[in-house]
Amino acid sequence: MERRACQKLCLFSFLLLIISTGVAVSPARSRSLRWIEARQNQGVPQSNQEGSYAIRTNVDLVVLQAIVRDHKGAPVSGLTRENFQVYEDKVPQEIESFSHEDIPVTVGLVIDNSGSMRPKHSDVVGAALAFARSSNPKDEMFVVNFNERVSMGLPANSPFTSDAAQLETALSRNVITGMTALYDAIAAGLEQLQKGKWDKKVLIVVSDGGDNASKHNLAQVMSMVNQSNAAIYTMGIFDETDEDRNPRVLKHLSGASGGEAFFPKSLQEILPICEQIAHDIRSQYTITFIPENKKQDETYRTISVKAREASGGRRLSVITRAGYSAPSNLHASEGSPSNRR
């Protein structure tokens, strides 16, 4: 009896060894298992329960945040995976995962403090605080203040917060004067986003779009945007007589990243726009796919997401990022931030 029990124990141990080393797992199955295991390692349940916040990606996975609107511009909720089609370089892609839930976000508020913003600054601060109050309570936020210099609004020992009082202090620290280093500020914001704990990341940029003091140029910043999974929402605040205004840059940044550009006609419109952005972020669909193109060649891949109402109904408008830059073989390693797109 003891010998038979020992044989059974040895056989059971051998089977466990085979399973743990993945001998019988196909490559396609292995990718799915890695994704599930990554979520489990983060303590993330598979159902849409409280706590299912982070989406941990492997080297193959592309993560999209999408806002869907009807022909009147109203947001559309209640869609399922079957309502969507995803294309990369016009090639259909299989959707790996799909969800529609209010998950926490890492948000950077990038605020122009150059001299031209002085008469509008109090309205901008009030709108940013309204955005914070309209956000998910578990969101973590930071502030990037800039004129010709870029500085973080929060102290180094507390780089993120969800406290409105701390945000108000962070937004009010800089003197409103000087020139404009917009590109440097966006670069700093994208780098800070990567230090946040939530995988869903957003930059909100308030500026006139002009730049006359940055060390970075627009091409360098756009390269960072294309390698990031962050959505950028821009708000252009300027007068028609403002010589520094550049709405084209603000549209370019938001369109490439899957955000939107807003141009309030009056200071009174800033507050409802910030509240709308907060609502849009909370109602996004999250879609992931594993690209059919496995090359890690740093090329730019265009993305198109289409959606229809149920049962082949009316086509809907989808706002998501325009594409991404594929990783390089030199930096492609499992779990590397550069491979989370």
Foldseek 3Di string as FASTA:
>chain_A
DVVVVVVVVVVVVVVVVCVVVVVPPDPVRVQVVVQVVVCVVVVADPDPDPPNAARAHWLQKEKKWKWWAAPVRHTDDDDDPVQKWKDKLNHTFDWPDKDWFQHAEEEEEEEELAQQCVVLLVLLLVQVLLLLVLADLPHWYWYWYDFLDIDTLADPVDRIDSDSVSSSSSSPPDHRHHHHAPLVSLVVVLVVRVVDDHLAYEYEYEELLFHDRHPDDLVVSVQSLQLHQYAYEYEHEDDPPDPRGDVVSNQVRRQQNLHHYHYDPDSVVSNVVSSVRNVSSRGIMMIMGRDPDPDQCQAKMFMDMWGADPPRHDTIDMGIHGTHTHHHPVQRDIPDSSSHD
